[in-house]
């Protein structure tokens, strides 16, 4: 039963990613990797984001964002807006509002840059 739920979650997330075109926000590979700036031009507090990730996301998405019970996040060309929406609203099997406010925005920017 649990395995079926996990597979449903993974399928829903992959579908959502493909439906939104994978995001990326028009950034080049160089801009996404240089300094960790989010789409609003503010810098990302990587230490705070990693701490929030470790406390709220690691169990499902893995230590290196490689995916475990949840889908992989690293190397997925996710837009900050898409990641923030997932954090705020959840999805099939993913709870909503685990992180909120500026902490959620910082975490979304950090994940989008991974």
PDB file of N, CA and C in Angstrom:
ATOM      1  N   UNK A   1       0.826  -1.188   0.000  1.00  0.00           N
ATOM      2  CA  UNK A   1       0.000   0.000   0.000  1.00  0.00           C
ATOM      3  C   UNK A   1       0.870   1.251   0.000  1.00  0.00           C
ATOM      4  N   UNK A   2       1.893   1.302   0.863  1.00  0.00           N
ATOM      5  CA  UNK A   2       2.775   2.468   0.947  1.00  0.00           C
ATOM      6  C   UNK A   2       3.549   2.638  -0.360  1.00  0.00           C
ATOM      7  N   UNK A   3       3.998   1.532  -0.940  1.00  0.00           N
ATOM      8  CA  UNK A   3       4.756   1.612  -2.185  1.00  0.00           C
ATOM      9  C   UNK A   3       3.889   2.207  -3.301  1.00  0.00           C
ATOM     10  N   UNK A   4       2.619   1.845  -3.318  1.00  0.00           N
ATOM     11  CA  UNK A   4       1.707   2.380  -4.334  1.00  0.00           C
ATOM     12  C   UNK A   4       1.533   3.886  -4.144  1.00  0.00           C
ATOM     13  N   UNK A   5       1.442   4.350  -2.889  1.00  0.00           N
ATOM     14  CA  UNK A   5       1.315   5.778  -2.614  1.00  0.00           C
ATOM     15  C   UNK A   5       2.564   6.535  -3.059  1.00  0.00           C
ATOM     16  N   UNK A   6       3.735   5.962  -2.789  1.00  0.00           N
ATOM     17  CA  UNK A   6       4.990   6.600  -3.181  1.00  0.00           C
ATOM     18  C   UNK A   6       5.077   6.699  -4.698  1.00  0.00           C
ATOM     19  N   UNK A   7       4.725   5.643  -5.385  1.00  0.00           N
ATOM     20  CA  UNK A   7       4.779   5.651  -6.846  1.00  0.00           C
ATOM     21  C   UNK A   7       3.788   6.669  -7.412  1.00  0.00           C
ATOM     22  N   UNK A   8       2.629   6.802  -6.780  1.00  0.00           N
ATOM     23  CA  UNK A   8       1.646   7.795  -7.215  1.00  0.00           C
ATOM     24  C   UNK A   8       2.198   9.195  -7.030  1.00  0.00           C
ATOM     25  N   UNK A   9       2.862   9.429  -5.899  1.00  0.00           N
ATOM     26  CA  UNK A   9       3.470  10.729  -5.634  1.00  0.00           C
ATOM     27  C   UNK A   9       4.540  11.055  -6.664  1.00  0.00           C
ATOM     28  N   UNK A  10       5.399  10.112  -6.937  1.00  0.00           N
ATOM     29  CA  UNK A  10       6.465  10.326  -7.920  1.00  0.00           C
ATOM     30  C   UNK A  10       5.870  10.616  -9.294  1.00  0.00           C
ATOM     31  N   UNK A  11       4.880   9.853  -9.682  1.00  0.00           N
ATOM     32  CA  UNK A  11       4.253  10.063 -10.987  1.00  0.00           C
ATOM     33  C   UNK A  11       3.597  11.439 -11.062  1.00  0.00           C
ATOM     34  N   UNK A  12       2.924  11.852  -9.990  1.00  0.00           N
ATOM     35  CA  UNK A  12       2.268  13.158  -9.979  1.00  0.00           C
ATOM     36  C   UNK A  12       3.297  14.285 -10.073  1.00  0.00           C
ATOM     37  N   UNK A  13       4.407  14.149  -9.372  1.00  0.00           N
ATOM     38  CA  UNK A  13       5.437  15.174  -9.397  1.00  0.00           C
ATOM     39  C   UNK A  13       6.073  15.256 -10.778  1.00  0.00           C
ATOM     40  N   UNK A  14       6.380  14.126 -11.384  1.00  0.00           N
ATOM     41  CA  UNK A  14       6.972  14.118 -12.719  1.00  0.00           C
ATOM     42  C   UNK A  14       5.998  14.736 -13.719  1.00  0.00           C
ATOM     43  N   UNK A  15       4.725  14.412 -13.592  1.00  0.00           N
ATOM     44  CA  UNK A  15       3.723  14.999 -14.479  1.00  0.00           C
ATOM     45  C   UNK A  15       3.664  16.512 -14.304  1.00  0.00           C
ATOM     46  N   UNK A  16       3.674  16.966 -13.049  1.00  0.00           N
ATOM     47  CA  UNK A  16       3.627  18.407 -12.779  1.00  0.00           C
ATOM     48  C   UNK A  16       4.848  19.107 -13.364  1.00  0.00           C
ATOM     49  N   UNK A  17       6.008  18.491 -13.245  1.00  0.00           N
ATOM     50  CA  UNK A  17       7.217  19.084 -13.810  1.00  0.00           C
ATOM     51  C   UNK A  17       7.132  19.184 -15.323  1.00  0.00           C
ATOM     52  N   UNK A  18       6.655  18.129 -15.952  1.00  0.00           N
ATOM     53  CA  UNK A  18       6.579  18.163 -17.413  1.00  0.00           C
ATOM     54  C   UNK A  18       5.496  19.134 -17.878  1.00  0.00           C
ATOM     55  N   UNK A  19       4.422  19.267 -17.124  1.00  0.00           N
ATOM     56  CA  UNK A  19       3.343  20.171 -17.497  1.00  0.00           C
ATOM     57  C   UNK A  19       3.767  21.631 -17.442  1.00  0.00           C
ATOM     58  N   UNK A  20       4.694  21.955 -16.516  1.00  0.00           N
ATOM     59  CA  UNK A  20       5.129  23.354 -16.406  1.00  0.00           C
ATOM     60  C   UNK A  20       6.357  23.614 -17.261  1.00  0.00           C
ATOM     61  N   UNK A  21       6.800  22.657 -18.016  1.00  0.00           N
ATOM     62  CA  UNK A  21       7.935  22.846 -18.913  1.00  0.00           C
ATOM     63  C   UNK A  21       9.269  22.819 -18.217  1.00  0.00           C
ATOM     64  N   UNK A  22       9.306  22.366 -16.964  1.00  0.00           N
ATOM     65  CA  UNK A  22      10.568  22.245 -16.250  1.00  0.00           C
ATOM     66  C   UNK A  22      11.071  23.546 -15.676  1.00  0.00           C
ATOM     67  N   UNK A  23      10.394  24.664 -15.922  1.00  0.00           N
ATOM     68  CA  UNK A  23      10.794  25.942 -15.328  1.00  0.00           C
ATOM     69  C   UNK A  23      12.089  26.443 -15.890  1.00  0.00           C
ATOM     70  N   UNK A  24      12.958  26.918 -15.032  1.00  0.00           N
ATOM     71  CA  UNK A  24      14.253  27.423 -15.440  1.00  0.00           C
ATOM     72  C   UNK A  24      14.279  28.924 -15.527  1.00  0.00           C
ATOM     73  N   UNK A  25      13.162  29.570 -15.763  1.00  0.00           N
ATOM     74  CA  UNK A  25      13.069  31.006 -15.761  1.00  0.00           C
ATOM     75  C   UNK A  25      14.004  31.715 -16.711  1.00  0.00           C
ATOM     76  N   UNK A  26      14.492  31.040 -17.762  1.00  0.00           N
ATOM     77  CA  UNK A  26      15.332  31.672 -18.756  1.00  0.00           C
ATOM     78  C   UNK A  26      16.757  31.908 -18.311  1.00  0.00           C
ATOM     79  N   UNK A  27      17.150  31.374 -17.171  1.00  0.00           N
ATOM     80  CA  UNK A  27      18.523  31.552 -16.719  1.00  0.00           C
ATOM     81  C   UNK A  27      19.450  30.666 -17.528  1.00  0.00           C
ATOM     82  N   UNK A  28      20.635  31.164 -17.755  1.00  0.00           N
ATOM     83  CA  UNK A  28      21.634  30.324 -18.382  1.00  0.00           C
ATOM     84  C   UNK A  28      22.277  29.480 -17.307  1.00  0.00           C
ATOM     85  N   UNK A  29      22.991  28.459 -17.716  1.00  0.00           N
ATOM     86  CA  UNK A  29      23.663  27.604 -16.755  1.00  0.00           C
ATOM     87  C   UNK A  29      24.630  28.408 -15.908  1.00  0.00           C
ATOM     88  N   UNK A  30      25.335  29.380 -16.512  1.00  0.00           N
ATOM     89  CA  UNK A  30      26.283  30.194 -15.774  1.00  0.00           C
ATOM     90  C   UNK A  30      25.601  31.046 -14.726  1.00  0.00           C
ATOM     91  N   UNK A  31      24.460  31.671 -15.043  1.00  0.00           N
ATOM     92  CA  UNK A  31      23.799  32.542 -14.077  1.00  0.00           C
ATOM     93  C   UNK A  31      23.191  31.749 -12.940  1.00  0.00           C
ATOM     94  N   UNK A  32      22.753  30.526 -13.193  1.00  0.00           N
ATOM     95  CA  UNK A  32      22.170  29.723 -12.135  1.00  0.00           C
ATOM     96  C   UNK A  32      23.226  29.245 -11.158  1.00  0.00           C
ATOM     97  N   UNK A  33      24.461  29.115 -11.606  1.00  0.00           N
ATOM     98  CA  UNK A  33      25.509  28.601 -10.746  1.00  0.00           C
ATOM     99  C   UNK A  33      26.404  29.683 -10.173  1.00  0.00           C
ATOM    100  N   UNK A  34      26.243  30.929 -10.561  1.00  0.00           N
ATOM    101  CA  UNK A  34      27.161  31.958 -10.116  1.00  0.00           C
ATOM    102  C   UNK A  34      26.590  32.745  -8.954  1.00  0.00           C
ATOM    103  N   UNK A  35      27.042  32.425  -7.757  1.00  0.00           N
ATOM    104  CA  UNK A  35      26.668  33.188  -6.596  1.00  0.00           C
ATOM    105  C   UNK A  35      25.346  32.823  -5.970  1.00  0.00           C
ATOM    106  N   UNK A  36      24.570  31.972  -6.580  1.00  0.00           N
ATOM    107  CA  UNK A  36      23.329  31.504  -5.983  1.00  0.00           C
ATOM    108  C   UNK A  36      22.255  32.568  -5.885  1.00  0.00           C
ATOM    109  N   UNK A  37      22.139  33.453  -6.830  1.00  0.00           N
ATOM    110  CA  UNK A  37      21.113  34.490  -6.778  1.00  0.00           C
ATOM    111  C   UNK A  37      19.781  33.931  -7.237  1.00  0.00           C
ATOM    112  N   UNK A  38      18.709  34.372  -6.578  1.00  0.00           N
ATOM    113  CA  UNK A  38      17.394  33.928  -7.003  1.00  0.00           C
ATOM    114  C   UNK A  38      16.862  34.859  -8.080  1.00  0.00           C
ATOM    115  N   UNK A  39      15.649  34.581  -8.562  1.00  0.00           N
ATOM    116  CA  UNK A  39      15.121  35.331  -9.696  1.00  0.00           C
ATOM    117  C   UNK A  39      14.810  36.787  -9.355  1.00  0.00           C
ATOM    118  N   UNK A  40      14.696  37.137  -8.077  1.00  0.00           N
ATOM    119  CA  UNK A  40      14.414  38.512  -7.709  1.00  0.00           C
ATOM    120  C   UNK A  40      15.678  39.339  -7.564  1.00  0.00           C
ATOM    121  N   UNK A  41      16.844  38.718  -7.721  1.00  0.00           N
ATOM    122  CA  UNK A  41      18.102  39.432  -7.641  1.00  0.00           C
ATOM    123  C   UNK A  41      18.703  39.415  -6.249  1.00  0.00           C
ATOM    124  N   UNK A  42      17.963  38.936  -5.253  1.00  0.00           N
ATOM    125  CA  UNK A  42      18.500  38.841  -3.901  1.00  0.00           C
ATOM    126  C   UNK A  42      19.364  37.592  -3.792  1.00  0.00           C
ATOM    127  N   UNK A  43      20.361  37.656  -2.927  1.00  0.00           N
ATOM    128  CA  UNK A  43      21.216  36.488  -2.774  1.00  0.00           C
ATOM    129  C   UNK A  43      20.545  35.465  -1.864  1.00  0.00           C
ATOM    130  N   UNK A  44      20.928  34.222  -2.045  1.00  0.00           N
ATOM    131  CA  UNK A  44      20.388  33.115  -1.269  1.00  0.00           C
ATOM    132  C   UNK A  44      21.279  32.895  -0.055  1.00  0.00           C
ATOM    133  N   UNK A  45      20.664  32.719   1.101  1.00  0.00           N
ATOM    134  CA  UNK A  45      21.401  32.338   2.303  1.00  0.00           C
ATOM    135  C   UNK A  45      21.490  30.815   2.281  1.00  0.00           C
ATOM    136  N   UNK A  46      22.566  30.311   1.681  1.00  0.00           N
ATOM    137  CA  UNK A  46      22.708  28.874   1.468  1.00  0.00           C
ATOM    138  C   UNK A  46      22.741  28.100   2.781  1.00  0.00           C
ATOM    139  N   UNK A  47      23.351  28.654   3.791  1.00  0.00           N
ATOM    140  CA  UNK A  47      23.429  27.964   5.084  1.00  0.00           C
ATOM    141  C   UNK A  47      22.036  27.809   5.702  1.00  0.00           C
ATOM    142  N   UNK A  48      21.255  28.872   5.683  1.00  0.00           N
ATOM    143  CA  UNK A  48      19.887  28.813   6.218  1.00  0.00           C
ATOM    144  C   UNK A  48      19.019  27.882   5.381  1.00  0.00           C
ATOM    145  N   UNK A  49      19.186  27.930   4.058  1.00  0.00           N
ATOM    146  CA  UNK A  49      18.401  27.068   3.173  1.00  0.00           C
ATOM    147  C   UNK A  49      18.737  25.605   3.424  1.00  0.00           C
ATOM    148  N   UNK A  50      20.021  25.304   3.560  1.00  0.00           N
ATOM    149  CA  UNK A  50      20.424  23.908   3.804  1.00  0.00           C
ATOM    150  C   UNK A  50      19.879  23.416   5.130  1.00  0.00           C
ATOM    151  N   UNK A  51      19.882  24.284   6.131  1.00  0.00           N
ATOM    152  CA  UNK A  51      19.330  23.917   7.433  1.00  0.00           C
ATOM    153  C   UNK A  51      17.832  23.624   7.328  1.00  0.00           C
ATOM    154  N   UNK A  52      17.096  24.484   6.630  1.00  0.00           N
ATOM    155  CA  UNK A  52      15.655  24.271   6.429  1.00  0.00           C
ATOM    156  C   UNK A  52      15.418  22.980   5.646  1.00  0.00           C
ATOM    157  N   UNK A  53      16.237  22.750   4.621  1.00  0.00           N
ATOM    158  CA  UNK A  53      16.118  21.528   3.818  1.00  0.00           C
ATOM    159  C   UNK A  53      16.355  20.299   4.699  1.00  0.00           C
ATOM    160  N   UNK A  54      17.423  20.329   5.489  1.00  0.00           N
ATOM    161  CA  UNK A  54      17.756  19.187   6.347  1.00  0.00           C
ATOM    162  C   UNK A  54      16.637  18.881   7.334  1.00  0.00           C
ATOM    163  N   UNK A  55      15.978  19.913   7.856  1.00  0.00           N
ATOM    164  CA  UNK A  55      14.920  19.729   8.847  1.00  0.00           C
ATOM    165  C   UNK A  55      13.593  19.310   8.235  1.00  0.00           C
ATOM    166  N   UNK A  56      13.333  19.708   6.993  1.00  0.00           N
ATOM    167  CA  UNK A  56      11.992  19.524   6.436  1.00  0.00           C
ATOM    168  C   UNK A  56      11.894  18.680   5.173  1.00  0.00           C
ATOM    169  N   UNK A  57      12.985  18.519   4.444  1.00  0.00           N
ATOM    170  CA  UNK A  57      12.906  17.914   3.111  1.00  0.00           C
ATOM    171  C   UNK A  57      13.765  16.661   2.952  1.00  0.00           C
ATOM    172  N   UNK A  58      14.831  16.582   3.706  1.00  0.00           N
ATOM    173  CA  UNK A  58      15.835  15.527   3.551  1.00  0.00           C
ATOM    174  C   UNK A  58      15.239  14.131   3.629  1.00  0.00           C
ATOM    175  N   UNK A  59      14.281  13.911   4.526  1.00  0.00           N
ATOM    176  CA  UNK A  59      13.712  12.579   4.702  1.00  0.00           C
ATOM    177  C   UNK A  59      13.126  12.010   3.416  1.00  0.00           C
ATOM    178  N   UNK A  60      12.542  12.863   2.600  1.00  0.00           N
ATOM    179  CA  UNK A  60      11.907  12.378   1.372  1.00  0.00           C
ATOM    180  C   UNK A  60      12.755  12.609   0.122  1.00  0.00           C
ATOM    181  N   UNK A  61      13.526  13.697   0.109  1.00  0.00           N
ATOM    182  CA  UNK A  61      14.251  14.052  -1.107  1.00  0.00           C
ATOM    183  C   UNK A  61      15.742  13.717  -1.047  1.00  0.00           C
ATOM    184  N   UNK A  62      16.219  13.169   0.065  1.00  0.00           N
ATOM    185  CA  UNK A  62      17.591  12.693   0.168  1.00  0.00           C
ATOM    186  C   UNK A  62      18.585  13.764   0.560  1.00  0.00           C
ATOM    187  N   UNK A  63      19.693  13.317   1.119  1.00  0.00           N
ATOM    188  CA  UNK A  63      20.745  14.220   1.597  1.00  0.00           C
ATOM    189  C   UNK A  63      21.309  15.098   0.491  1.00  0.00           C
ATOM    190  N   UNK A  64      21.408  14.532  -0.701  1.00  0.00           N
ATOM    191  CA  UNK A  64      21.976  15.255  -1.840  1.00  0.00           C
ATOM    192  C   UNK A  64      20.920  15.624  -2.872  1.00  0.00           C
ATOM    193  N   UNK A  65      19.665  15.730  -2.424  1.00  0.00           N
ATOM    194  CA  UNK A  65      18.533  16.076  -3.282  1.00  0.00           C
ATOM    195  C   UNK A  65      18.317  15.050  -4.395  1.00  0.00           C
ATOM    196  N   UNK A  66      18.798  13.830  -4.161  1.00  0.00           N
ATOM    197  CA  UNK A  66      18.752  12.791  -5.182  1.00  0.00           C
ATOM    198  C   UNK A  66      17.414  12.061  -5.245  1.00  0.00           C
ATOM    199  N   UNK A  67      16.539  12.311  -4.289  1.00  0.00           N
ATOM    200  CA  UNK A  67      15.251  11.630  -4.243  1.00  0.00           C
ATOM    201  C   UNK A  67      15.346  10.341  -3.458  1.00  0.00           C
ATOM    202  N   UNK A  68      14.340  10.082  -2.689  1.00  0.00           N
ATOM    203  CA  UNK A  68      14.215   8.834  -1.920  1.00  0.00           C
ATOM    204  C   UNK A  68      12.741   8.447  -1.997  1.00  0.00           C
ATOM    205  N   UNK A  69      11.983   8.790  -0.953  1.00  0.00           N
ATOM    206  CA  UNK A  69      10.528   8.590  -0.991  1.00  0.00           C
ATOM    207  C   UNK A  69       9.868   9.640  -1.875  1.00  0.00           C
ATOM    208  N   UNK A  70      10.508  10.792  -2.002  1.00  0.00           N
ATOM    209  CA  UNK A  70      10.047  11.854  -2.881  1.00  0.00           C
ATOM    210  C   UNK A  70      10.936  11.910  -4.114  1.00  0.00           C
ATOM    211  N   UNK A  71      10.542  12.663  -5.100  1.00  0.00           N
ATOM    212  CA  UNK A  71      11.315  12.746  -6.345  1.00  0.00           C
ATOM    213  C   UNK A  71      12.627  13.501  -6.158  1.00  0.00           C
ATOM    214  N   UNK A  72      13.589  13.282  -7.046  1.00  0.00           N
ATOM    215  CA  UNK A  72      14.845  14.021  -6.987  1.00  0.00           C
ATOM    216  C   UNK A  72      14.606  15.502  -7.281  1.00  0.00           C
ATOM    217  N   UNK A  73      15.420  16.350  -6.666  1.00  0.00           N
ATOM    218  CA  UNK A  73      15.331  17.789  -6.889  1.00  0.00           C
ATOM    219  C   UNK A  73      16.567  18.325  -7.597  1.00  0.00           C
ATOM    220  N   UNK A  74      17.708  17.690  -7.396  1.00  0.00           N
ATOM    221  CA  UNK A  74      18.950  18.152  -8.014  1.00  0.00           C
ATOM    222  C   UNK A  74      18.933  17.882  -9.514  1.00  0.00           C
ATOM    223  N   UNK A  75      19.417  18.846 -10.271  1.00  0.00           N
ATOM    224  CA  UNK A  75      19.549  18.678 -11.714  1.00  0.00           C
ATOM    225  C   UNK A  75      18.227  18.648 -12.471  1.00  0.00           C
ATOM    226  N   UNK A  76      17.161  19.155 -11.883  1.00  0.00           N
ATOM    227  CA  UNK A  76      15.842  19.076 -12.521  1.00  0.00           C
ATOM    228  C   UNK A  76      15.423  20.359 -13.216  1.00  0.00           C
ATOM    229  N   UNK A  77      16.227  21.409 -13.211  1.00  0.00           N
ATOM    230  CA  UNK A  77      15.915  22.680 -13.860  1.00  0.00           C
ATOM    231  C   UNK A  77      14.547  23.207 -13.403  1.00  0.00           C
ATOM    232  N   UNK A  78      14.365  23.260 -12.081  1.00  0.00           N
ATOM    233  CA  UNK A  78      13.121  23.732 -11.487  1.00  0.00           C
ATOM    234  C   UNK A  78      13.169  25.241 -11.313  1.00  0.00           C
ATOM    235  N   UNK A  79      12.079  25.917 -11.596  1.00  0.00           N
ATOM    236  CA  UNK A  79      12.031  27.360 -11.365  1.00  0.00           C
ATOM    237  C   UNK A  79      11.782  27.618  -9.882  1.00  0.00           C
ATOM    238  N   UNK A  80      12.241  28.755  -9.420  1.00  0.00           N
ATOM    239  CA  UNK A  80      12.031  29.132  -8.027  1.00  0.00           C
ATOM    240  C   UNK A  80      10.535  29.216  -7.724  1.00  0.00           C
ATOM    241  N   UNK A  81       9.767  29.783  -8.634  1.00  0.00           N
ATOM    242  CA  UNK A  81       8.321  29.916  -8.426  1.00  0.00           C
ATOM    243  C   UNK A  81       7.647  28.556  -8.296  1.00  0.00           C
ATOM    244  N   UNK A  82       8.056  27.598  -9.120  1.00  0.00           N
ATOM    245  CA  UNK A  82       7.468  26.254  -9.050  1.00  0.00           C
ATOM    246  C   UNK A  82       7.807  25.600  -7.716  1.00  0.00           C
ATOM    247  N   UNK A  83       9.067  25.695  -7.304  1.00  0.00           N
ATOM    248  CA  UNK A  83       9.482  25.083  -6.035  1.00  0.00           C
ATOM    249  C   UNK A  83       8.734  25.743  -4.880  1.00  0.00           C
ATOM    250  N   UNK A  84       8.631  27.066  -4.896  1.00  0.00           N
ATOM    251  CA  UNK A  84       7.919  27.775  -3.836  1.00  0.00           C
ATOM    252  C   UNK A  84       6.457  27.339  -3.784  1.00  0.00           C
ATOM    253  N   UNK A  85       5.832  27.185  -4.937  1.00  0.00           N
ATOM    254  CA  UNK A  85       4.445  26.725  -4.978  1.00  0.00           C
ATOM    255  C   UNK A  85       4.307  25.333  -4.364  1.00  0.00           C
ATOM    256  N   UNK A  86       5.240  24.451  -4.667  1.00  0.00           N
ATOM    257  CA  UNK A  86       5.212  23.094  -4.098  1.00  0.00           C
ATOM    258  C   UNK A  86       5.385  23.153  -2.578  1.00  0.00           C
ATOM    259  N   UNK A  87       6.291  24.010  -2.098  1.00  0.00           N
ATOM    260  CA  UNK A  87       6.516  24.141  -0.656  1.00  0.00           C
ATOM    261  C   UNK A  87       5.252  24.674   0.020  1.00  0.00           C
ATOM    262  N   UNK A  88       4.648  25.684  -0.567  1.00  0.00           N
ATOM    263  CA  UNK A  88       3.479  26.318   0.042  1.00  0.00           C
ATOM    264  C   UNK A  88       2.220  25.477  -0.056  1.00  0.00           C
ATOM    265  N   UNK A  89       2.016  24.817  -1.199  1.00  0.00           N
ATOM    266  CA  UNK A  89       0.754  24.130  -1.467  1.00  0.00           C
ATOM    267  C   UNK A  89       0.812  22.619  -1.365  1.00  0.00           C
ATOM    268  N   UNK A  90       2.012  22.060  -1.339  1.00  0.00           N
ATOM    269  CA  UNK A  90       2.140  20.614  -1.322  1.00  0.00           C
ATOM    270  C   UNK A  90       1.742  20.010  -2.650  1.00  0.00           C
ATOM    271  N   UNK A  91       1.643  18.718  -2.672  1.00  0.00           N
ATOM    272  CA  UNK A  91       1.242  17.980  -3.870  1.00  0.00           C
ATOM    273  C   UNK A  91       0.826  16.590  -3.408  1.00  0.00           C
ATOM    274  N   UNK A  92       0.550  15.718  -4.331  1.00  0.00           N
ATOM    275  CA  UNK A  92       0.115  14.366  -3.992  1.00  0.00           C
ATOM    276  C   UNK A  92       1.114  13.713  -3.035  1.00  0.00           C
ATOM    277  N   UNK A  93       0.772  13.657  -1.772  1.00  0.00           N
ATOM    278  CA  UNK A  93       1.633  13.025  -0.784  1.00  0.00           C
ATOM    279  C   UNK A  93       2.584  13.974  -0.080  1.00  0.00           C
ATOM    280  N   UNK A  94       2.855  15.133  -0.665  1.00  0.00           N
ATOM    281  CA  UNK A  94       3.746  16.107  -0.031  1.00  0.00           C
ATOM    282  C   UNK A  94       2.900  17.089   0.769  1.00  0.00           C
ATOM    283  N   UNK A  95       3.193  17.222   2.074  1.00  0.00           N
ATOM    284  CA  UNK A  95       2.405  18.165   2.873  1.00  0.00           C
ATOM    285  C   UNK A  95       2.694  19.611   2.494  1.00  0.00           C
ATOM    286  N   UNK A  96       1.738  20.481   2.756  1.00  0.00           N
ATOM    287  CA  UNK A  96       1.943  21.898   2.479  1.00  0.00           C
ATOM    288  C   UNK A  96       2.495  22.611   3.716  1.00  0.00           C
ATOM    289  N   UNK A  97       3.030  23.783   3.486  1.00  0.00           N
ATOM    290  CA  UNK A  97       3.436  24.704   4.545  1.00  0.00           C
ATOM    291  C   UNK A  97       4.438  24.148   5.552  1.00  0.00           C
ATOM    292  N   UNK A  98       5.332  23.267   5.114  1.00  0.00           N
ATOM    293  CA  UNK A  98       6.385  22.804   6.021  1.00  0.00           C
ATOM    294  C   UNK A  98       7.326  23.948   6.378  1.00  0.00           C
ATOM    295  N   UNK A  99       7.506  24.852   5.434  1.00  0.00           N
ATOM    296  CA  UNK A  99       8.339  26.037   5.603  1.00  0.00           C
ATOM    297  C   UNK A  99       7.507  27.194   5.067  1.00  0.00           C
ATOM    298  N   UNK A 100       7.608  28.367   5.703  1.00  0.00           N
ATOM    299  CA  UNK A 100       6.782  29.477   5.236  1.00  0.00           C
ATOM    300  C   UNK A 100       7.567  30.785   5.201  1.00  0.00           C
ATOM    301  N   UNK A 101       6.950  31.791   4.606  1.00  0.00           N
ATOM    302  CA  UNK A 101       7.515  33.133   4.574  1.00  0.00           C
ATOM    303  C   UNK A 101       8.839  33.222   3.851  1.00  0.00           C
ATOM    304  N   UNK A 102       9.707  34.073   4.376  1.00  0.00           N
ATOM    305  CA  UNK A 102      11.002  34.299   3.731  1.00  0.00           C
ATOM    306  C   UNK A 102      11.881  33.048   3.780  1.00  0.00           C
ATOM    307  N   UNK A 103      11.666  32.197   4.775  1.00  0.00           N
ATOM    308  CA  UNK A 103      12.415  30.943   4.847  1.00  0.00           C
ATOM    309  C   UNK A 103      12.051  30.046   3.661  1.00  0.00           C
ATOM    310  N   UNK A 104      10.763  30.003   3.304  1.00  0.00           N
ATOM    311  CA  UNK A 104      10.322  29.217   2.151  1.00  0.00           C
ATOM    312  C   UNK A 104      10.868  29.800   0.857  1.00  0.00           C
ATOM    313  N   UNK A 105      10.865  31.126   0.740  1.00  0.00           N
ATOM    314  CA  UNK A 105      11.395  31.780  -0.463  1.00  0.00           C
ATOM    315  C   UNK A 105      12.887  31.499  -0.620  1.00  0.00           C
ATOM    316  N   UNK A 106      13.633  31.569   0.472  1.00  0.00           N
ATOM    317  CA  UNK A 106      15.069  31.293   0.430  1.00  0.00           C
ATOM    318  C   UNK A 106      15.329  29.832   0.063  1.00  0.00           C
ATOM    319  N   UNK A 107      14.571  28.920   0.665  1.00  0.00           N
ATOM    320  CA  UNK A 107      14.709  27.497   0.367  1.00  0.00           C
ATOM    321  C   UNK A 107      14.385  27.212  -1.099  1.00  0.00           C
ATOM    322  N   UNK A 108      13.316  27.817  -1.611  1.00  0.00           N
ATOM    323  CA  UNK A 108      12.930  27.618  -3.014  1.00  0.00           C
ATOM    324  C   UNK A 108      14.028  28.101  -3.956  1.00  0.00           C
ATOM    325  N   UNK A 109      14.611  29.263  -3.656  1.00  0.00           N
ATOM    326  CA  UNK A 109      15.694  29.793  -4.492  1.00  0.00           C
ATOM    327  C   UNK A 109      16.894  28.866  -4.463  1.00  0.00           C
ATOM    328  N   UNK A 110      17.215  28.349  -3.294  1.00  0.00           N
ATOM    329  CA  UNK A 110      18.367  27.456  -3.152  1.00  0.00           C
ATOM    330  C   UNK A 110      18.145  26.155  -3.929  1.00  0.00           C
ATOM    331  N   UNK A 111      16.960  25.555  -3.780  1.00  0.00           N
ATOM    332  CA  UNK A 111      16.655  24.301  -4.496  1.00  0.00           C
ATOM    333  C   UNK A 111      16.679  24.545  -6.000  1.00  0.00           C
ATOM    334  N   UNK A 112      16.118  25.652  -6.461  1.00  0.00           N
ATOM    335  CA  UNK A 112      16.083  25.953  -7.892  1.00  0.00           C
ATOM    336  C   UNK A 112      17.495  26.087  -8.472  1.00  0.00           C
ATOM    337  N   UNK A 113      18.464  26.429  -7.643  1.00  0.00           N
ATOM    338  CA  UNK A 113      19.838  26.588  -8.096  1.00  0.00           C
ATOM    339  C   UNK A 113      20.668  25.313  -7.993  1.00  0.00           C
ATOM    340  N   UNK A 114      20.073  24.229  -7.552  1.00  0.00           N
ATOM    341  CA  UNK A 114      20.832  22.985  -7.369  1.00  0.00           C
ATOM    342  C   UNK A 114      20.911  22.200  -8.657  1.00  0.00           C
TER     343      UNK A 114
END
